[in-house]
Amino acid sequence: LKAGLPTPQTEWPAPWDTQKRIDAAYPRSQVGIEWDSRQWHSRVEDFQRDRQRDRNALLHGWRVFRFTWHDVTARPHDVVDTIRTALNRPFVAM
């Protein structure tokens, strides 16, 4: 990849609920990426569902990073830096 990141798995089954999917995942590092758009994340229920999903991920040792279209198009270096840092830094639960 141009960004220098390994290719993630797409539509990865969420370990805490295999009926759910993570948009992009690095399973060995337990790092997930969610691409949030207004189409799927504009209602209050969607917002609540996403927060519950994030809590479930943390409880199962996963770090899920959410990025918007603006992040990807206007600040792609921030997206890449965030993921690179997450992949290179082990998760320490408190």
PDB file of N, CA and C in Angstrom:
ATOM      1  N   LEU A   1       0.820  -1.190   0.000  1.00  0.00           N
ATOM      2  CA  LEU A   1       0.000   0.000   0.000  1.00  0.00           C
ATOM      3  C   LEU A   1       0.865   1.257   0.000  1.00  0.00           C
ATOM      4  N   LYS A   2       0.359   2.307  -0.583  1.00  0.00           N
ATOM      5  CA  LYS A   2       1.091   3.563  -0.592  1.00  0.00           C
ATOM      6  C   LYS A   2       1.339   4.080   0.818  1.00  0.00           C
ATOM      7  N   ALA A   3       0.421   3.815   1.710  1.00  0.00           N
ATOM      8  CA  ALA A   3       0.538   4.318   3.081  1.00  0.00           C
ATOM      9  C   ALA A   3       1.578   3.536   3.886  1.00  0.00           C
ATOM     10  N   GLY A   4       2.002   2.415   3.371  1.00  0.00           N
ATOM     11  CA  GLY A   4       2.984   1.611   4.085  1.00  0.00           C
ATOM     12  C   GLY A   4       2.399   0.764   5.199  1.00  0.00           C
ATOM     13  N   LEU A   5       1.100   0.634   5.227  1.00  0.00           N
ATOM     14  CA  LEU A   5       0.441  -0.203   6.228  1.00  0.00           C
ATOM     15  C   LEU A   5       0.162  -1.579   5.642  1.00  0.00           C
ATOM     16  N   PRO A   6       0.143  -2.610   6.482  1.00  0.00           N
ATOM     17  CA  PRO A   6      -0.282  -3.913   5.979  1.00  0.00           C
ATOM     18  C   PRO A   6      -1.753  -3.851   5.561  1.00  0.00           C
ATOM     19  N   THR A   7      -2.133  -4.712   4.655  1.00  0.00           N
ATOM     20  CA  THR A   7      -3.522  -4.749   4.199  1.00  0.00           C
ATOM     21  C   THR A   7      -4.407  -5.327   5.308  1.00  0.00           C
ATOM     22  N   PRO A   8      -5.453  -4.590   5.692  1.00  0.00           N
ATOM     23  CA  PRO A   8      -6.343  -5.112   6.737  1.00  0.00           C
ATOM     24  C   PRO A   8      -7.322  -6.139   6.159  1.00  0.00           C
ATOM     25  N   GLN A   9      -7.908  -6.905   7.049  1.00  0.00           N
ATOM     26  CA  GLN A   9      -9.018  -7.780   6.692  1.00  0.00           C
ATOM     27  C   GLN A   9     -10.260  -6.899   6.642  1.00  0.00           C
ATOM     28  N   THR A  10     -11.084  -7.086   5.660  1.00  0.00           N
ATOM     29  CA  THR A  10     -12.304  -6.277   5.577  1.00  0.00           C
ATOM     30  C   THR A  10     -13.511  -7.102   5.979  1.00  0.00           C
ATOM     31  N   GLU A  11     -14.496  -6.396   6.537  1.00  0.00           N
ATOM     32  CA  GLU A  11     -15.731  -7.037   7.004  1.00  0.00           C
ATOM     33  C   GLU A  11     -15.426  -8.216   7.930  1.00  0.00           C
ATOM     34  N   TRP A  12     -14.528  -7.980   8.869  1.00  0.00           N
ATOM     35  CA  TRP A  12     -14.089  -9.005   9.820  1.00  0.00           C
ATOM     36  C   TRP A  12     -15.178  -9.253  10.862  1.00  0.00           C
ATOM     37  N   PRO A  13     -15.533 -10.515  11.132  1.00  0.00           N
ATOM     38  CA  PRO A  13     -16.543 -10.795  12.167  1.00  0.00           C
ATOM     39  C   PRO A  13     -16.059 -10.313  13.539  1.00  0.00           C
ATOM     40  N   ALA A  14     -16.883  -9.534  14.199  1.00  0.00           N
ATOM     41  CA  ALA A  14     -16.524  -9.029  15.528  1.00  0.00           C
ATOM     42  C   ALA A  14     -16.461 -10.202  16.502  1.00  0.00           C
ATOM     43  N   PRO A  15     -15.341 -10.397  17.194  1.00  0.00           N
ATOM     44  CA  PRO A  15     -15.210 -11.539  18.105  1.00  0.00           C
ATOM     45  C   PRO A  15     -16.262 -11.579  19.199  1.00  0.00           C
ATOM     46  N   TRP A  16     -16.804 -10.441  19.601  1.00  0.00           N
ATOM     47  CA  TRP A  16     -17.794 -10.391  20.668  1.00  0.00           C
ATOM     48  C   TRP A  16     -19.207 -10.630  20.145  1.00  0.00           C
ATOM     49  N   ASP A  17     -19.391 -10.597  18.817  1.00  0.00           N
ATOM     50  CA  ASP A  17     -20.701 -10.856  18.207  1.00  0.00           C
ATOM     51  C   ASP A  17     -20.486 -11.120  16.725  1.00  0.00           C
ATOM     52  N   THR A  18     -20.379 -12.386  16.349  1.00  0.00           N
ATOM     53  CA  THR A  18     -20.033 -12.743  14.967  1.00  0.00           C
ATOM     54  C   THR A  18     -21.128 -12.386  13.963  1.00  0.00           C
ATOM     55  N   GLN A  19     -22.259 -11.906  14.449  1.00  0.00           N
ATOM     56  CA  GLN A  19     -23.290 -11.393  13.543  1.00  0.00           C
ATOM     57  C   GLN A  19     -22.948  -9.966  13.098  1.00  0.00           C
ATOM     58  N   LYS A  20     -22.000  -9.339  13.783  1.00  0.00           N
ATOM     59  CA  LYS A  20     -21.565  -7.974  13.476  1.00  0.00           C
ATOM     60  C   LYS A  20     -20.227  -8.038  12.753  1.00  0.00           C
ATOM     61  N   ARG A  21     -19.921  -6.988  12.010  1.00  0.00           N
ATOM     62  CA  ARG A  21     -18.672  -6.922  11.250  1.00  0.00           C
ATOM     63  C   ARG A  21     -17.904  -5.647  11.605  1.00  0.00           C
ATOM     64  N   ILE A  22     -16.579  -5.748  11.536  1.00  0.00           N
ATOM     65  CA  ILE A  22     -15.702  -4.594  11.666  1.00  0.00           C
ATOM     66  C   ILE A  22     -15.308  -4.224  10.245  1.00  0.00           C
ATOM     67  N   ASP A  23     -15.419  -2.948   9.890  1.00  0.00           N
ATOM     68  CA  ASP A  23     -15.144  -2.531   8.514  1.00  0.00           C
ATOM     69  C   ASP A  23     -13.772  -2.986   8.033  1.00  0.00           C
ATOM     70  N   ALA A  24     -12.754  -2.758   8.826  1.00  0.00           N
ATOM     71  CA  ALA A  24     -11.392  -3.187   8.509  1.00  0.00           C
ATOM     72  C   ALA A  24     -10.738  -3.598   9.820  1.00  0.00           C
ATOM     73  N   ALA A  25      -9.967  -4.670   9.797  1.00  0.00           N
ATOM     74  CA  ALA A  25      -9.399  -5.180  11.043  1.00  0.00           C
ATOM     75  C   ALA A  25      -8.006  -5.741  10.836  1.00  0.00           C
ATOM     76  N   TYR A  26      -7.231  -5.605  11.891  1.00  0.00           N
ATOM     77  CA  TYR A  26      -5.939  -6.253  12.014  1.00  0.00           C
ATOM     78  C   TYR A  26      -6.080  -7.212  13.196  1.00  0.00           C
ATOM     79  N   PRO A  27      -6.597  -8.415  12.943  1.00  0.00           N
ATOM     80  CA  PRO A  27      -6.939  -9.328  14.038  1.00  0.00           C
ATOM     81  C   PRO A  27      -5.787  -9.671  14.982  1.00  0.00           C
ATOM     82  N   ARG A  28      -4.589  -9.866  14.461  1.00  0.00           N
ATOM     83  CA  ARG A  28      -3.462 -10.227  15.338  1.00  0.00           C
ATOM     84  C   ARG A  28      -3.157  -9.115  16.334  1.00  0.00           C
ATOM     85  N   SER A  29      -3.367  -7.877  15.946  1.00  0.00           N
ATOM     86  CA  SER A  29      -3.137  -6.737  16.834  1.00  0.00           C
ATOM     87  C   SER A  29      -4.400  -6.307  17.564  1.00  0.00           C
ATOM     88  N   GLN A  30      -5.519  -6.917  17.212  1.00  0.00           N
ATOM     89  CA  GLN A  30      -6.824  -6.571  17.765  1.00  0.00           C
ATOM     90  C   GLN A  30      -7.112  -5.077  17.597  1.00  0.00           C
ATOM     91  N   VAL A  31      -6.874  -4.605  16.380  1.00  0.00           N
ATOM     92  CA  VAL A  31      -7.147  -3.221  16.006  1.00  0.00           C
ATOM     93  C   VAL A  31      -8.220  -3.232  14.926  1.00  0.00           C
ATOM     94  N   GLY A  32      -9.266  -2.455  15.147  1.00  0.00           N
ATOM     95  CA  GLY A  32     -10.342  -2.340  14.175  1.00  0.00           C
ATOM     96  C   GLY A  32     -10.481  -0.914  13.683  1.00  0.00           C
ATOM     97  N   ILE A  33     -11.008  -0.790  12.472  1.00  0.00           N
ATOM     98  CA  ILE A  33     -11.263   0.517  11.878  1.00  0.00           C
ATOM     99  C   ILE A  33     -12.706   0.544  11.430  1.00  0.00           C
ATOM    100  N   GLU A  34     -13.397   1.597  11.802  1.00  0.00           N
ATOM    101  CA  GLU A  34     -14.765   1.814  11.343  1.00  0.00           C
ATOM    102  C   GLU A  34     -14.784   3.093  10.514  1.00  0.00           C
ATOM    103  N   TRP A  35     -15.365   2.992   9.330  1.00  0.00           N
ATOM    104  CA  TRP A  35     -15.509   4.145   8.439  1.00  0.00           C
ATOM    105  C   TRP A  35     -16.916   4.689   8.663  1.00  0.00           C
ATOM    106  N   ASP A  36     -17.023   5.782   9.375  1.00  0.00           N
ATOM    107  CA  ASP A  36     -18.327   6.346   9.739  1.00  0.00           C
ATOM    108  C   ASP A  36     -18.789   7.365   8.704  1.00  0.00           C
ATOM    109  N   SER A  37     -19.959   7.122   8.158  1.00  0.00           N
ATOM    110  CA  SER A  37     -20.558   8.070   7.214  1.00  0.00           C
ATOM    111  C   SER A  37     -21.881   8.557   7.783  1.00  0.00           C
ATOM    112  N   ARG A  38     -22.339   9.668   7.285  1.00  0.00           N
ATOM    113  CA  ARG A  38     -23.632  10.195   7.755  1.00  0.00           C
ATOM    114  C   ARG A  38     -24.786   9.276   7.370  1.00  0.00           C
ATOM    115  N   GLN A  39     -24.634   8.564   6.289  1.00  0.00           N
ATOM    116  CA  GLN A  39     -25.706   7.663   5.850  1.00  0.00           C
ATOM    117  C   GLN A  39     -26.051   6.637   6.930  1.00  0.00           C
ATOM    118  N   TRP A  40     -25.028   6.094   7.607  1.00  0.00           N
ATOM    119  CA  TRP A  40     -25.261   5.034   8.583  1.00  0.00           C
ATOM    120  C   TRP A  40     -25.091   5.483  10.025  1.00  0.00           C
ATOM    121  N   HIS A  41     -24.768   6.744  10.241  1.00  0.00           N
ATOM    122  CA  HIS A  41     -24.462   7.186  11.597  1.00  0.00           C
ATOM    123  C   HIS A  41     -25.088   8.531  11.942  1.00  0.00           C
ATOM    124  N   SER A  42     -26.288   8.777  11.478  1.00  0.00           N
ATOM    125  CA  SER A  42     -26.889  10.089  11.707  1.00  0.00           C
ATOM    126  C   SER A  42     -27.987  10.080  12.764  1.00  0.00           C
ATOM    127  N   ARG A  43     -28.581   8.941  13.007  1.00  0.00           N
ATOM    128  CA  ARG A  43     -29.670   8.897  13.984  1.00  0.00           C
ATOM    129  C   ARG A  43     -29.127   8.675  15.391  1.00  0.00           C
ATOM    130  N   VAL A  44     -29.882   9.084  16.395  1.00  0.00           N
ATOM    131  CA  VAL A  44     -29.485   8.895  17.785  1.00  0.00           C
ATOM    132  C   VAL A  44     -29.262   7.412  18.072  1.00  0.00           C
ATOM    133  N   GLU A  45     -30.111   6.559  17.542  1.00  0.00           N
ATOM    134  CA  GLU A  45     -29.984   5.115  17.768  1.00  0.00           C
ATOM    135  C   GLU A  45     -28.661   4.592  17.210  1.00  0.00           C
ATOM    136  N   ASP A  46     -28.257   5.123  16.054  1.00  0.00           N
ATOM    137  CA  ASP A  46     -26.987   4.706  15.451  1.00  0.00           C
ATOM    138  C   ASP A  46     -25.819   5.105  16.343  1.00  0.00           C
ATOM    139  N   PHE A  47     -25.879   6.328  16.850  1.00  0.00           N
ATOM    140  CA  PHE A  47     -24.831   6.833  17.734  1.00  0.00           C
ATOM    141  C   PHE A  47     -24.736   5.951  18.983  1.00  0.00           C
ATOM    142  N   GLN A  48     -25.876   5.649  19.595  1.00  0.00           N
ATOM    143  CA  GLN A  48     -25.912   4.803  20.788  1.00  0.00           C
ATOM    144  C   GLN A  48     -25.368   3.410  20.482  1.00  0.00           C
ATOM    145  N   ARG A  49     -25.779   2.838  19.374  1.00  0.00           N
ATOM    146  CA  ARG A  49     -25.328   1.497  18.982  1.00  0.00           C
ATOM    147  C   ARG A  49     -23.805   1.474  18.809  1.00  0.00           C
ATOM    148  N   ASP A  50     -23.264   2.506  18.200  1.00  0.00           N
ATOM    149  CA  ASP A  50     -21.818   2.568  17.990  1.00  0.00           C
ATOM    150  C   ASP A  50     -21.058   2.673  19.312  1.00  0.00           C
ATOM    151  N   ARG A  51     -21.582   3.434  20.259  1.00  0.00           N
ATOM    152  CA  ARG A  51     -20.911   3.542  21.561  1.00  0.00           C
ATOM    153  C   ARG A  51     -20.931   2.187  22.280  1.00  0.00           C
ATOM    154  N   GLN A  52     -22.039   1.477  22.220  1.00  0.00           N
ATOM    155  CA  GLN A  52     -22.116   0.148  22.838  1.00  0.00           C
ATOM    156  C   GLN A  52     -21.128  -0.796  22.155  1.00  0.00           C
ATOM    157  N   ARG A  53     -21.063  -0.706  20.855  1.00  0.00           N
ATOM    158  CA  ARG A  53     -20.130  -1.536  20.084  1.00  0.00           C
ATOM    159  C   ARG A  53     -18.686  -1.241  20.499  1.00  0.00           C
ATOM    160  N   ASP A  54     -18.351   0.034  20.677  1.00  0.00           N
ATOM    161  CA  ASP A  54     -17.003   0.410  21.093  1.00  0.00           C
ATOM    162  C   ASP A  54     -16.686  -0.137  22.486  1.00  0.00           C
ATOM    163  N   ARG A  55     -17.645  -0.072  23.380  1.00  0.00           N
ATOM    164  CA  ARG A  55     -17.436  -0.618  24.727  1.00  0.00           C
ATOM    165  C   ARG A  55     -17.223  -2.126  24.674  1.00  0.00           C
ATOM    166  N   ASN A  56     -18.018  -2.815  23.871  1.00  0.00           N
ATOM    167  CA  ASN A  56     -17.858  -4.265  23.729  1.00  0.00           C
ATOM    168  C   ASN A  56     -16.482  -4.617  23.166  1.00  0.00           C
ATOM    169  N   ALA A  57     -16.017  -3.844  22.212  1.00  0.00           N
ATOM    170  CA  ALA A  57     -14.692  -4.081  21.634  1.00  0.00           C
ATOM    171  C   ALA A  57     -13.626  -3.961  22.722  1.00  0.00           C
ATOM    172  N   LEU A  58     -13.694  -2.892  23.508  1.00  0.00           N
ATOM    173  CA  LEU A  58     -12.708  -2.695  24.571  1.00  0.00           C
ATOM    174  C   LEU A  58     -12.742  -3.818  25.598  1.00  0.00           C
ATOM    175  N   LEU A  59     -13.933  -4.256  25.939  1.00  0.00           N
ATOM    176  CA  LEU A  59     -14.061  -5.343  26.905  1.00  0.00           C
ATOM    177  C   LEU A  59     -13.454  -6.643  26.397  1.00  0.00           C
ATOM    178  N   HIS A  60     -13.333  -6.762  25.083  1.00  0.00           N
ATOM    179  CA  HIS A  60     -12.751  -7.963  24.477  1.00  0.00           C
ATOM    180  C   HIS A  60     -11.326  -7.725  23.971  1.00  0.00           C
ATOM    181  N   GLY A  61     -10.713  -6.644  24.447  1.00  0.00           N
ATOM    182  CA  GLY A  61      -9.317  -6.400  24.142  1.00  0.00           C
ATOM    183  C   GLY A  61      -9.036  -5.758  22.792  1.00  0.00           C
ATOM    184  N   TRP A  62     -10.080  -5.257  22.138  1.00  0.00           N
ATOM    185  CA  TRP A  62      -9.905  -4.615  20.824  1.00  0.00           C
ATOM    186  C   TRP A  62      -9.927  -3.103  20.962  1.00  0.00           C
ATOM    187  N   ARG A  63      -9.132  -2.449  20.115  1.00  0.00           N
ATOM    188  CA  ARG A  63      -9.167  -0.994  19.979  1.00  0.00           C
ATOM    189  C   ARG A  63      -9.784  -0.714  18.621  1.00  0.00           C
ATOM    190  N   VAL A  64     -10.875   0.022  18.619  1.00  0.00           N
ATOM    191  CA  VAL A  64     -11.552   0.365  17.365  1.00  0.00           C
ATOM    192  C   VAL A  64     -11.428   1.868  17.154  1.00  0.00           C
ATOM    193  N   PHE A  65     -10.905   2.218  15.999  1.00  0.00           N
ATOM    194  CA  PHE A  65     -10.720   3.621  15.634  1.00  0.00           C
ATOM    195  C   PHE A  65     -11.746   3.992  14.587  1.00  0.00           C
ATOM    196  N   ARG A  66     -12.430   5.094  14.819  1.00  0.00           N
ATOM    197  CA  ARG A  66     -13.475   5.556  13.904  1.00  0.00           C
ATOM    198  C   ARG A  66     -12.973   6.757  13.115  1.00  0.00           C
ATOM    199  N   PHE A  67     -13.182   6.696  11.806  1.00  0.00           N
ATOM    200  CA  PHE A  67     -12.777   7.774  10.921  1.00  0.00           C
ATOM    201  C   PHE A  67     -13.947   8.171  10.039  1.00  0.00           C
ATOM    202  N   THR A  68     -14.008   9.451   9.732  1.00  0.00           N
ATOM    203  CA  THR A  68     -15.064   9.976   8.861  1.00  0.00           C
ATOM    204  C   THR A  68     -14.504  10.187   7.457  1.00  0.00           C
ATOM    205  N   TRP A  69     -15.406  10.481   6.525  1.00  0.00           N
ATOM    206  CA  TRP A  69     -14.999  10.802   5.165  1.00  0.00           C
ATOM    207  C   TRP A  69     -14.035  11.990   5.169  1.00  0.00           C
ATOM    208  N   HIS A  70     -14.335  12.964   6.012  1.00  0.00           N
ATOM    209  CA  HIS A  70     -13.459  14.129   6.122  1.00  0.00           C
ATOM    210  C   HIS A  70     -12.055  13.716   6.571  1.00  0.00           C
ATOM    211  N   ASP A  71     -11.972  12.827   7.537  1.00  0.00           N
ATOM    212  CA  ASP A  71     -10.666  12.335   7.987  1.00  0.00           C
ATOM    213  C   ASP A  71      -9.888  11.724   6.826  1.00  0.00           C
ATOM    214  N   VAL A  72     -10.564  10.879   6.074  1.00  0.00           N
ATOM    215  CA  VAL A  72      -9.905  10.143   4.990  1.00  0.00           C
ATOM    216  C   VAL A  72      -9.490  11.062   3.848  1.00  0.00           C
ATOM    217  N   THR A  73     -10.323  12.037   3.518  1.00  0.00           N
ATOM    218  CA  THR A  73     -10.034  12.884   2.360  1.00  0.00           C
ATOM    219  C   THR A  73      -9.197  14.115   2.705  1.00  0.00           C
ATOM    220  N   ALA A  74      -9.400  14.700   3.878  1.00  0.00           N
ATOM    221  CA  ALA A  74      -8.709  15.937   4.227  1.00  0.00           C
ATOM    222  C   ALA A  74      -7.467  15.707   5.081  1.00  0.00           C
ATOM    223  N   ARG A  75      -7.457  14.598   5.822  1.00  0.00           N
ATOM    224  CA  ARG A  75      -6.342  14.345   6.730  1.00  0.00           C
ATOM    225  C   ARG A  75      -5.891  12.890   6.679  1.00  0.00           C
ATOM    226  N   PRO A  76      -5.633  12.363   5.494  1.00  0.00           N
ATOM    227  CA  PRO A  76      -5.284  10.941   5.405  1.00  0.00           C
ATOM    228  C   PRO A  76      -4.025  10.584   6.186  1.00  0.00           C
ATOM    229  N   HIS A  77      -3.091  11.509   6.296  1.00  0.00           N
ATOM    230  CA  HIS A  77      -1.867  11.232   7.062  1.00  0.00           C
ATOM    231  C   HIS A  77      -2.178  10.980   8.539  1.00  0.00           C
ATOM    232  N   ASP A  78      -3.190  11.652   9.080  1.00  0.00           N
ATOM    233  CA  ASP A  78      -3.597  11.409  10.468  1.00  0.00           C
ATOM    234  C   ASP A  78      -4.167  10.007  10.632  1.00  0.00           C
ATOM    235  N   VAL A  79      -4.962   9.585   9.639  1.00  0.00           N
ATOM    236  CA  VAL A  79      -5.535   8.238   9.673  1.00  0.00           C
ATOM    237  C   VAL A  79      -4.410   7.205   9.672  1.00  0.00           C
ATOM    238  N   VAL A  80      -3.492   7.355   8.739  1.00  0.00           N
ATOM    239  CA  VAL A  80      -2.378   6.410   8.612  1.00  0.00           C
ATOM    240  C   VAL A  80      -1.507   6.425   9.865  1.00  0.00           C
ATOM    241  N   ASP A  81      -1.189   7.605  10.374  1.00  0.00           N
ATOM    242  CA  ASP A  81      -0.360   7.695  11.580  1.00  0.00           C
ATOM    243  C   ASP A  81      -1.033   7.044  12.781  1.00  0.00           C
ATOM    244  N   THR A  82      -2.338   7.251  12.897  1.00  0.00           N
ATOM    245  CA  THR A  82      -3.077   6.641  14.012  1.00  0.00           C
ATOM    246  C   THR A  82      -3.015   5.122  13.940  1.00  0.00           C
ATOM    247  N   ILE A  83      -3.288   4.573  12.769  1.00  0.00           N
ATOM    248  CA  ILE A  83      -3.289   3.117  12.620  1.00  0.00           C
ATOM    249  C   ILE A  83      -1.879   2.561  12.787  1.00  0.00           C
ATOM    250  N   ARG A  84      -0.899   3.213  12.198  1.00  0.00           N
ATOM    251  CA  ARG A  84       0.487   2.753  12.345  1.00  0.00           C
ATOM    252  C   ARG A  84       0.882   2.725  13.821  1.00  0.00           C
ATOM    253  N   THR A  85       0.560   3.773  14.547  1.00  0.00           N
ATOM    254  CA  THR A  85       0.890   3.828  15.970  1.00  0.00           C
ATOM    255  C   THR A  85       0.186   2.714  16.732  1.00  0.00           C
ATOM    256  N   ALA A  86      -1.093   2.502  16.445  1.00  0.00           N
ATOM    257  CA  ALA A  86      -1.852   1.447  17.126  1.00  0.00           C
ATOM    258  C   ALA A  86      -1.255   0.073  16.852  1.00  0.00           C
ATOM    259  N   LEU A  87      -0.839  -0.169  15.615  1.00  0.00           N
ATOM    260  CA  LEU A  87      -0.269  -1.473  15.273  1.00  0.00           C
ATOM    261  C   LEU A  87       1.096  -1.702  15.934  1.00  0.00           C
ATOM    262  N   ASN A  88       1.796  -0.623  16.215  1.00  0.00           N
ATOM    263  CA  ASN A  88       3.135  -0.731  16.803  1.00  0.00           C
ATOM    264  C   ASN A  88       3.157  -0.595  18.305  1.00  0.00           C
ATOM    265  N   ARG A  89       2.017  -0.325  18.904  1.00  0.00           N
ATOM    266  CA  ARG A  89       1.952  -0.130  20.337  1.00  0.00           C
ATOM    267  C   ARG A  89       0.972  -1.139  20.930  1.00  0.00           C
ATOM    268  N   PRO A  90       1.441  -2.006  21.794  1.00  0.00           N
ATOM    269  CA  PRO A  90       0.513  -2.982  22.393  1.00  0.00           C
ATOM    270  C   PRO A  90      -0.537  -2.305  23.255  1.00  0.00           C
ATOM    271  N   PHE A  91      -1.687  -2.910  23.285  1.00  0.00           N
ATOM    272  CA  PHE A  91      -2.794  -2.402  24.092  1.00  0.00           C
ATOM    273  C   PHE A  91      -2.578  -2.818  25.524  1.00  0.00           C
ATOM    274  N   VAL A  92      -2.687  -1.876  26.435  1.00  0.00           N
ATOM    275  CA  VAL A  92      -2.536  -2.169  27.851  1.00  0.00           C
ATOM    276  C   VAL A  92      -3.850  -1.850  28.532  1.00  0.00           C
ATOM    277  N   ALA A  93      -4.540  -2.881  28.985  1.00  0.00           N
ATOM    278  CA  ALA A  93      -5.801  -2.691  29.705  1.00  0.00           C
ATOM    279  C   ALA A  93      -5.503  -2.215  31.115  1.00  0.00           C
ATOM    280  N   MET A  94      -6.372  -1.370  31.613  1.00  0.00           N
ATOM    281  CA  MET A  94      -6.165  -0.849  32.968  1.00  0.00           C
ATOM    282  C   MET A  94      -7.052  -1.586  33.943  1.00  0.00           C
TER     283      MET A  94
END
